[in-house]
Amino acid sequence: MRTTIAFIFSLLILAGCTEKKEEKLLPITNENISGVWKASRFVSTLPGLTEEQKKGGELEFLSSVYTLRADHSFNLTSDAYAAGANGRWELDPNTYLLRMSYEMGGERGVEEFTVEALKADTLTLRIDIKDMNAFIQLKLSRSK
């Protein structure tokens, strides 16, 4: 009987050690968003794109690196835009809307993302395109 209990106890300890720990969500704050983020996953439901266009967009995005500094300046670089885009970012703490205003190649632009989730090593952003009934979801991994 003691052997059986010891065996079961050992299995429980082993299972607890090998079980993957679920990473905790962090509060969505300026401090937690700041950092260097490398693109890791791209999902798009935009209609009318060919597979070639989808693949090209995904490959371009996956080469992107977002540097969100604590002073709210930011830089975005990718394989296609080595010079990058520079600008400012702001986070609305009530709606979790992340707004990036930038200049790239003499053109000004604004991107607005909803922060869906923030963990120590991942940031998930989403753009809803209501008039097309579509979305783009971006997953970024924190660079170390």
N, C-alpha and C. Protein backbone atom coordinates (compact mmCIF):
# COMPACT_ATOMS: atom_id res chain seq x y z
N MET A 1 0.82 -1.19 0.00
CA MET A 1 0.00 0.00 0.00
C MET A 1 0.86 1.26 0.00
N ARG A 2 1.91 1.27 0.86
CA ARG A 2 2.81 2.41 0.90
C ARG A 2 3.49 2.61 -0.43
N THR A 3 3.86 1.54 -1.10
CA THR A 3 4.53 1.62 -2.40
C THR A 3 3.60 2.25 -3.43
N THR A 4 2.33 1.87 -3.41
CA THR A 4 1.36 2.42 -4.36
C THR A 4 1.18 3.92 -4.13
N ILE A 5 1.06 4.34 -2.89
CA ILE A 5 0.88 5.75 -2.57
C ILE A 5 2.13 6.53 -2.97
N ALA A 6 3.31 6.00 -2.68
CA ALA A 6 4.56 6.65 -3.05
C ALA A 6 4.68 6.77 -4.57
N PHE A 7 4.25 5.73 -5.29
CA PHE A 7 4.30 5.74 -6.75
C PHE A 7 3.37 6.81 -7.30
N ILE A 8 2.14 6.88 -6.81
CA ILE A 8 1.17 7.88 -7.27
C ILE A 8 1.68 9.29 -6.95
N PHE A 9 2.21 9.48 -5.76
CA PHE A 9 2.76 10.77 -5.36
C PHE A 9 3.90 11.18 -6.29
N SER A 10 4.76 10.22 -6.64
CA SER A 10 5.88 10.49 -7.54
C SER A 10 5.38 10.90 -8.92
N LEU A 11 4.33 10.23 -9.41
CA LEU A 11 3.76 10.58 -10.71
C LEU A 11 3.18 11.99 -10.70
N LEU A 12 2.51 12.35 -9.62
CA LEU A 12 1.94 13.70 -9.51
C LEU A 12 3.03 14.76 -9.52
N ILE A 13 4.11 14.53 -8.82
CA ILE A 13 5.23 15.48 -8.79
C ILE A 13 5.84 15.59 -10.18
N LEU A 14 6.05 14.46 -10.84
CA LEU A 14 6.63 14.45 -12.19
C LEU A 14 5.71 15.18 -13.17
N ALA A 15 4.42 14.94 -13.08
CA ALA A 15 3.46 15.61 -13.97
C ALA A 15 3.48 17.11 -13.73
N GLY A 16 3.59 17.53 -12.50
CA GLY A 16 3.64 18.95 -12.18
C GLY A 16 4.90 19.61 -12.70
N CYS A 17 6.00 18.90 -12.72
CA CYS A 17 7.26 19.45 -13.21
C CYS A 17 7.28 19.56 -14.74
N THR A 18 6.65 18.64 -15.42
CA THR A 18 6.68 18.63 -16.88
C THR A 18 5.53 19.40 -17.51
N GLU A 19 4.53 19.75 -16.71
CA GLU A 19 3.38 20.47 -17.23
C GLU A 19 3.80 21.87 -17.65
N LYS A 20 3.39 22.29 -18.85
CA LYS A 20 3.73 23.61 -19.34
C LYS A 20 2.94 24.65 -18.55
N LYS A 21 3.65 25.61 -18.01
CA LYS A 21 3.00 26.67 -17.24
C LYS A 21 2.38 27.68 -18.22
N GLU A 22 1.16 28.05 -17.98
CA GLU A 22 0.47 29.06 -18.80
C GLU A 22 1.02 30.43 -18.41
N GLU A 23 1.49 31.16 -19.41
CA GLU A 23 2.04 32.48 -19.16
C GLU A 23 0.92 33.45 -18.77
N LYS A 24 1.15 34.23 -17.74
CA LYS A 24 0.14 35.14 -17.21
C LYS A 24 -0.01 36.37 -18.11
N LEU A 25 -1.24 36.86 -18.18
CA LEU A 25 -1.50 38.12 -18.86
C LEU A 25 -0.98 39.26 -17.98
N LEU A 26 -0.40 40.25 -18.62
CA LEU A 26 0.07 41.43 -17.92
C LEU A 26 -0.95 42.55 -18.07
N PRO A 27 -0.96 43.50 -17.14
CA PRO A 27 -1.82 44.67 -17.33
C PRO A 27 -1.36 45.41 -18.59
N ILE A 28 -2.30 45.92 -19.36
CA ILE A 28 -1.98 46.63 -20.60
C ILE A 28 -1.71 48.09 -20.22
N THR A 29 -0.42 48.38 -20.03
CA THR A 29 0.02 49.70 -19.62
C THR A 29 1.16 50.16 -20.52
N ASN A 30 1.46 51.46 -20.48
CA ASN A 30 2.58 52.00 -21.25
C ASN A 30 3.88 51.28 -20.91
N GLU A 31 4.10 51.06 -19.64
CA GLU A 31 5.35 50.43 -19.19
C GLU A 31 5.49 49.01 -19.74
N ASN A 32 4.41 48.25 -19.74
CA ASN A 32 4.47 46.87 -20.21
C ASN A 32 4.53 46.76 -21.73
N ILE A 33 4.01 47.76 -22.43
CA ILE A 33 4.04 47.75 -23.90
C ILE A 33 5.41 48.15 -24.43
N SER A 34 6.10 49.04 -23.71
CA SER A 34 7.42 49.50 -24.15
C SER A 34 8.36 48.32 -24.33
N GLY A 35 9.15 48.38 -25.39
CA GLY A 35 10.14 47.34 -25.63
C GLY A 35 10.37 47.13 -27.11
N VAL A 36 11.15 46.13 -27.41
CA VAL A 36 11.45 45.76 -28.80
C VAL A 36 10.68 44.49 -29.10
N TRP A 37 9.84 44.55 -30.14
CA TRP A 37 8.93 43.46 -30.48
C TRP A 37 9.18 43.00 -31.91
N LYS A 38 9.40 41.72 -32.08
CA LYS A 38 9.64 41.10 -33.40
C LYS A 38 8.37 40.37 -33.83
N ALA A 39 7.97 40.61 -35.06
CA ALA A 39 6.78 39.95 -35.59
C ALA A 39 6.96 38.44 -35.61
N SER A 40 5.91 37.72 -35.18
CA SER A 40 6.01 36.25 -35.17
C SER A 40 4.82 35.54 -35.81
N ARG A 41 3.68 36.22 -35.93
CA ARG A 41 2.50 35.57 -36.52
C ARG A 41 1.60 36.62 -37.15
N PHE A 42 1.05 36.30 -38.31
CA PHE A 42 0.21 37.21 -39.07
C PHE A 42 -1.02 36.46 -39.54
N VAL A 43 -2.21 36.98 -39.23
CA VAL A 43 -3.46 36.38 -39.68
C VAL A 43 -4.29 37.48 -40.33
N SER A 44 -4.80 37.22 -41.54
CA SER A 44 -5.62 38.20 -42.24
C SER A 44 -6.84 37.52 -42.84
N THR A 45 -7.98 38.19 -42.71
CA THR A 45 -9.21 37.69 -43.35
C THR A 45 -9.66 38.65 -44.45
N LEU A 46 -8.74 39.48 -44.94
CA LEU A 46 -9.08 40.41 -46.02
C LEU A 46 -9.56 39.63 -47.24
N PRO A 47 -10.72 39.98 -47.76
CA PRO A 47 -11.24 39.26 -48.94
C PRO A 47 -10.56 39.72 -50.23
N GLY A 48 -10.56 38.85 -51.21
CA GLY A 48 -10.09 39.21 -52.54
C GLY A 48 -8.60 39.15 -52.75
N LEU A 49 -7.84 38.71 -51.77
CA LEU A 49 -6.39 38.60 -51.95
C LEU A 49 -6.03 37.23 -52.49
N THR A 50 -5.09 37.21 -53.41
CA THR A 50 -4.60 35.93 -53.91
C THR A 50 -3.69 35.31 -52.85
N GLU A 51 -3.43 34.04 -52.98
CA GLU A 51 -2.51 33.37 -52.05
C GLU A 51 -1.13 34.01 -52.11
N GLU A 52 -0.72 34.41 -53.30
CA GLU A 52 0.58 35.06 -53.47
C GLU A 52 0.63 36.39 -52.71
N GLN A 53 -0.43 37.17 -52.78
CA GLN A 53 -0.50 38.44 -52.05
C GLN A 53 -0.49 38.20 -50.55
N LYS A 54 -1.25 37.20 -50.09
CA LYS A 54 -1.28 36.88 -48.66
C LYS A 54 0.10 36.46 -48.18
N LYS A 55 0.76 35.60 -48.95
CA LYS A 55 2.08 35.10 -48.57
C LYS A 55 3.10 36.24 -48.56
N GLY A 56 3.02 37.12 -49.56
CA GLY A 56 3.93 38.26 -49.62
C GLY A 56 3.75 39.19 -48.42
N GLY A 57 2.50 39.47 -48.07
CA GLY A 57 2.21 40.31 -46.91
C GLY A 57 2.71 39.68 -45.62
N GLU A 58 2.51 38.38 -45.51
CA GLU A 58 2.95 37.67 -44.31
C GLU A 58 4.48 37.69 -44.20
N LEU A 59 5.17 37.42 -45.31
CA LEU A 59 6.63 37.42 -45.27
C LEU A 59 7.17 38.81 -44.93
N GLU A 60 6.56 39.84 -45.49
CA GLU A 60 6.98 41.21 -45.18
C GLU A 60 6.75 41.49 -43.69
N PHE A 61 5.58 41.17 -43.20
CA PHE A 61 5.29 41.43 -41.80
C PHE A 61 6.24 40.67 -40.88
N LEU A 62 6.51 39.42 -41.20
CA LEU A 62 7.34 38.59 -40.32
C LEU A 62 8.78 39.07 -40.24
N SER A 63 9.18 40.01 -41.11
CA SER A 63 10.52 40.59 -41.00
C SER A 63 10.51 41.89 -40.20
N SER A 64 9.35 42.28 -39.68
CA SER A 64 9.20 43.56 -38.99
C SER A 64 9.66 43.52 -37.54
N VAL A 65 10.26 44.63 -37.12
CA VAL A 65 10.65 44.82 -35.72
C VAL A 65 10.12 46.18 -35.28
N TYR A 66 9.31 46.19 -34.21
CA TYR A 66 8.75 47.41 -33.64
C TYR A 66 9.53 47.74 -32.37
N THR A 67 10.08 48.96 -32.31
CA THR A 67 10.75 49.42 -31.10
C THR A 67 9.90 50.53 -30.50
N LEU A 68 9.23 50.21 -29.39
CA LEU A 68 8.35 51.16 -28.69
C LEU A 68 9.09 51.64 -27.45
N ARG A 69 9.57 52.88 -27.50
CA ARG A 69 10.38 53.41 -26.41
C ARG A 69 9.51 54.01 -25.30
N ALA A 70 10.08 54.08 -24.11
CA ALA A 70 9.36 54.61 -22.95
C ALA A 70 8.96 56.07 -23.13
N ASP A 71 9.70 56.83 -23.97
CA ASP A 71 9.36 58.23 -24.21
C ASP A 71 8.27 58.39 -25.28
N HIS A 72 7.69 57.26 -25.71
CA HIS A 72 6.61 57.18 -26.69
C HIS A 72 7.05 57.43 -28.13
N SER A 73 8.34 57.44 -28.38
CA SER A 73 8.80 57.43 -29.76
C SER A 73 8.88 55.97 -30.20
N PHE A 74 8.81 55.74 -31.50
CA PHE A 74 8.94 54.37 -31.96
C PHE A 74 9.63 54.31 -33.32
N ASN A 75 10.10 53.13 -33.64
CA ASN A 75 10.75 52.86 -34.92
C ASN A 75 10.26 51.50 -35.39
N LEU A 76 9.99 51.41 -36.67
CA LEU A 76 9.58 50.15 -37.30
C LEU A 76 10.52 49.89 -38.45
N THR A 77 11.14 48.72 -38.47
CA THR A 77 11.98 48.32 -39.59
C THR A 77 11.51 46.96 -40.10
N SER A 78 11.84 46.69 -41.36
CA SER A 78 11.54 45.39 -41.96
C SER A 78 12.50 45.19 -43.13
N ASP A 79 12.45 44.02 -43.74
CA ASP A 79 13.31 43.74 -44.89
C ASP A 79 13.07 44.74 -46.02
N ALA A 80 11.82 45.09 -46.26
CA ALA A 80 11.48 46.00 -47.35
C ALA A 80 11.75 47.46 -46.99
N TYR A 81 11.75 47.78 -45.70
CA TYR A 81 11.94 49.16 -45.26
C TYR A 81 13.06 49.23 -44.23
N ALA A 82 14.30 49.00 -44.70
CA ALA A 82 15.44 48.97 -43.79
C ALA A 82 15.63 50.32 -43.10
N ALA A 83 15.33 51.43 -43.80
CA ALA A 83 15.45 52.76 -43.18
C ALA A 83 14.38 52.92 -42.11
N GLY A 84 13.27 52.23 -42.29
CA GLY A 84 12.23 52.19 -41.28
C GLY A 84 11.31 53.38 -41.27
N ALA A 85 10.40 53.31 -40.34
CA ALA A 85 9.44 54.39 -40.09
C ALA A 85 9.68 54.86 -38.66
N ASN A 86 9.66 56.16 -38.47
CA ASN A 86 9.83 56.73 -37.15
C ASN A 86 8.58 57.51 -36.79
N GLY A 87 8.26 57.53 -35.52
CA GLY A 87 7.09 58.27 -35.11
C GLY A 87 6.85 58.22 -33.62
N ARG A 88 5.60 58.37 -33.26
CA ARG A 88 5.17 58.40 -31.87
C ARG A 88 4.07 57.37 -31.67
N TRP A 89 3.99 56.80 -30.46
CA TRP A 89 2.93 55.86 -30.13
C TRP A 89 2.24 56.32 -28.85
N GLU A 90 0.96 55.97 -28.75
CA GLU A 90 0.21 56.25 -27.53
C GLU A 90 -0.78 55.12 -27.29
N LEU A 91 -1.04 54.87 -26.04
CA LEU A 91 -1.96 53.81 -25.63
C LEU A 91 -3.10 54.42 -24.85
N ASP A 92 -4.33 54.14 -25.26
CA ASP A 92 -5.49 54.56 -24.48
C ASP A 92 -5.73 53.48 -23.43
N PRO A 93 -5.56 53.82 -22.14
CA PRO A 93 -5.67 52.81 -21.08
C PRO A 93 -7.08 52.28 -20.87
N ASN A 94 -8.08 52.96 -21.41
CA ASN A 94 -9.46 52.52 -21.24
C ASN A 94 -9.93 51.59 -22.34
N THR A 95 -9.50 51.86 -23.57
CA THR A 95 -9.95 51.05 -24.72
C THR A 95 -8.88 50.09 -25.21
N TYR A 96 -7.65 50.24 -24.72
CA TYR A 96 -6.49 49.46 -25.16
C TYR A 96 -6.18 49.69 -26.63
N LEU A 97 -6.48 50.89 -27.12
CA LEU A 97 -6.18 51.25 -28.49
C LEU A 97 -4.74 51.76 -28.54
N LEU A 98 -3.91 51.11 -29.35
CA LEU A 98 -2.52 51.49 -29.55
C LEU A 98 -2.45 52.23 -30.88
N ARG A 99 -2.09 53.51 -30.82
CA ARG A 99 -2.05 54.36 -32.00
C ARG A 99 -0.60 54.70 -32.31
N MET A 100 -0.19 54.43 -33.56
CA MET A 100 1.16 54.75 -33.99
C MET A 100 1.09 55.74 -35.15
N SER A 101 1.62 56.94 -34.93
CA SER A 101 1.71 57.97 -35.97
C SER A 101 3.15 57.97 -36.45
N TYR A 102 3.37 57.94 -37.76
CA TYR A 102 4.73 57.77 -38.27
C TYR A 102 4.94 58.51 -39.58
N GLU A 103 6.22 58.57 -39.94
CA GLU A 103 6.62 59.09 -41.24
C GLU A 103 7.58 58.07 -41.85
N MET A 104 7.32 57.76 -43.13
CA MET A 104 8.17 56.79 -43.82
C MET A 104 8.31 57.25 -45.27
N GLY A 105 9.53 57.51 -45.68
CA GLY A 105 9.77 57.92 -47.06
C GLY A 105 9.03 59.19 -47.45
N GLY A 106 8.92 60.14 -46.53
CA GLY A 106 8.23 61.39 -46.79
C GLY A 106 6.72 61.32 -46.66
N GLU A 107 6.18 60.16 -46.43
CA GLU A 107 4.73 59.97 -46.26
C GLU A 107 4.40 59.85 -44.77
N ARG A 108 3.30 60.46 -44.39
CA ARG A 108 2.82 60.34 -43.00
C ARG A 108 1.69 59.32 -42.95
N GLY A 109 1.61 58.60 -41.84
CA GLY A 109 0.55 57.62 -41.68
C GLY A 109 0.21 57.40 -40.22
N VAL A 110 -0.90 56.73 -40.01
CA VAL A 110 -1.36 56.37 -38.66
C VAL A 110 -1.88 54.94 -38.72
N GLU A 111 -1.47 54.14 -37.78
CA GLU A 111 -1.99 52.79 -37.61
C GLU A 111 -2.62 52.71 -36.23
N GLU A 112 -3.80 52.11 -36.15
CA GLU A 112 -4.47 51.93 -34.87
C GLU A 112 -4.76 50.45 -34.66
N PHE A 113 -4.27 49.93 -33.56
CA PHE A 113 -4.44 48.53 -33.21
C PHE A 113 -5.17 48.43 -31.88
N THR A 114 -5.96 47.40 -31.71
CA THR A 114 -6.49 47.05 -30.41
C THR A 114 -5.54 46.03 -29.80
N VAL A 115 -5.11 46.27 -28.57
CA VAL A 115 -4.26 45.30 -27.87
C VAL A 115 -5.19 44.21 -27.34
N GLU A 116 -5.07 43.01 -27.90
CA GLU A 116 -5.92 41.89 -27.48
C GLU A 116 -5.36 41.18 -26.27
N ALA A 117 -4.03 41.05 -26.22
CA ALA A 117 -3.40 40.34 -25.10
C ALA A 117 -1.96 40.80 -24.97
N LEU A 118 -1.50 40.83 -23.73
CA LEU A 118 -0.11 41.19 -23.45
C LEU A 118 0.41 40.24 -22.38
N LYS A 119 1.47 39.54 -22.73
CA LYS A 119 2.15 38.65 -21.79
C LYS A 119 3.60 39.11 -21.72
N ALA A 120 4.38 38.54 -20.85
CA ALA A 120 5.77 38.96 -20.69
C ALA A 120 6.53 38.90 -22.01
N ASP A 121 6.26 37.88 -22.83
CA ASP A 121 7.01 37.69 -24.06
C ASP A 121 6.20 37.85 -25.33
N THR A 122 4.90 38.12 -25.25
CA THR A 122 4.09 38.26 -26.47
C THR A 122 3.08 39.41 -26.36
N LEU A 123 2.84 40.01 -27.51
CA LEU A 123 1.88 41.09 -27.64
C LEU A 123 1.01 40.78 -28.85
N THR A 124 -0.30 40.72 -28.66
CA THR A 124 -1.22 40.41 -29.75
C THR A 124 -2.04 41.65 -30.06
N LEU A 125 -1.97 42.08 -31.34
CA LEU A 125 -2.65 43.27 -31.81
C LEU A 125 -3.65 42.89 -32.89
N ARG A 126 -4.69 43.72 -33.05
CA ARG A 126 -5.72 43.44 -34.05
C ARG A 126 -6.22 44.74 -34.65
N ILE A 127 -6.44 44.71 -35.95
CA ILE A 127 -7.09 45.80 -36.67
C ILE A 127 -8.37 45.24 -37.25
N ASP A 128 -9.51 45.82 -36.87
CA ASP A 128 -10.79 45.42 -37.45
C ASP A 128 -11.10 46.35 -38.62
N ILE A 129 -11.46 45.76 -39.75
CA ILE A 129 -11.81 46.51 -40.94
C ILE A 129 -13.29 46.26 -41.18
N LYS A 130 -14.09 47.08 -40.53
CA LYS A 130 -15.54 46.83 -40.48
C LYS A 130 -16.21 46.87 -41.83
N ASP A 131 -15.83 47.81 -42.71
CA ASP A 131 -16.51 47.91 -44.00
C ASP A 131 -16.21 46.73 -44.92
N MET A 132 -15.19 45.94 -44.58
CA MET A 132 -14.87 44.74 -45.36
C MET A 132 -15.19 43.47 -44.57
N ASN A 133 -15.73 43.65 -43.35
CA ASN A 133 -16.01 42.51 -42.48
C ASN A 133 -14.78 41.61 -42.35
N ALA A 134 -13.64 42.25 -42.04
CA ALA A 134 -12.38 41.52 -42.00
C ALA A 134 -11.53 42.04 -40.83
N PHE A 135 -10.44 41.35 -40.57
CA PHE A 135 -9.49 41.79 -39.55
C PHE A 135 -8.09 41.34 -39.94
N ILE A 136 -7.13 41.99 -39.30
CA ILE A 136 -5.72 41.57 -39.36
C ILE A 136 -5.27 41.43 -37.92
N GLN A 137 -4.68 40.30 -37.60
CA GLN A 137 -4.18 40.05 -36.25
C GLN A 137 -2.67 39.84 -36.34
N LEU A 138 -1.95 40.53 -35.47
CA LEU A 138 -0.50 40.45 -35.44
C LEU A 138 -0.05 39.94 -34.07
N LYS A 139 0.85 39.00 -34.08
CA LYS A 139 1.43 38.54 -32.82
C LYS A 139 2.90 38.90 -32.87
N LEU A 140 3.37 39.56 -31.80
CA LEU A 140 4.74 40.00 -31.70
C LEU A 140 5.40 39.32 -30.51
N SER A 141 6.68 39.01 -30.66
CA SER A 141 7.45 38.40 -29.57
C SER A 141 8.48 39.40 -29.07
N ARG A 142 8.59 39.52 -27.76
CA ARG A 142 9.54 40.48 -27.18
C ARG A 142 10.96 40.00 -27.45
N SER A 143 11.77 40.92 -27.98
CA SER A 143 13.19 40.61 -28.20
C SER A 143 13.93 40.72 -26.88
N LYS A 144 14.89 39.88 -26.71
CA LYS A 144 15.64 39.88 -25.44
C LYS A 144 16.93 40.61 -25.60
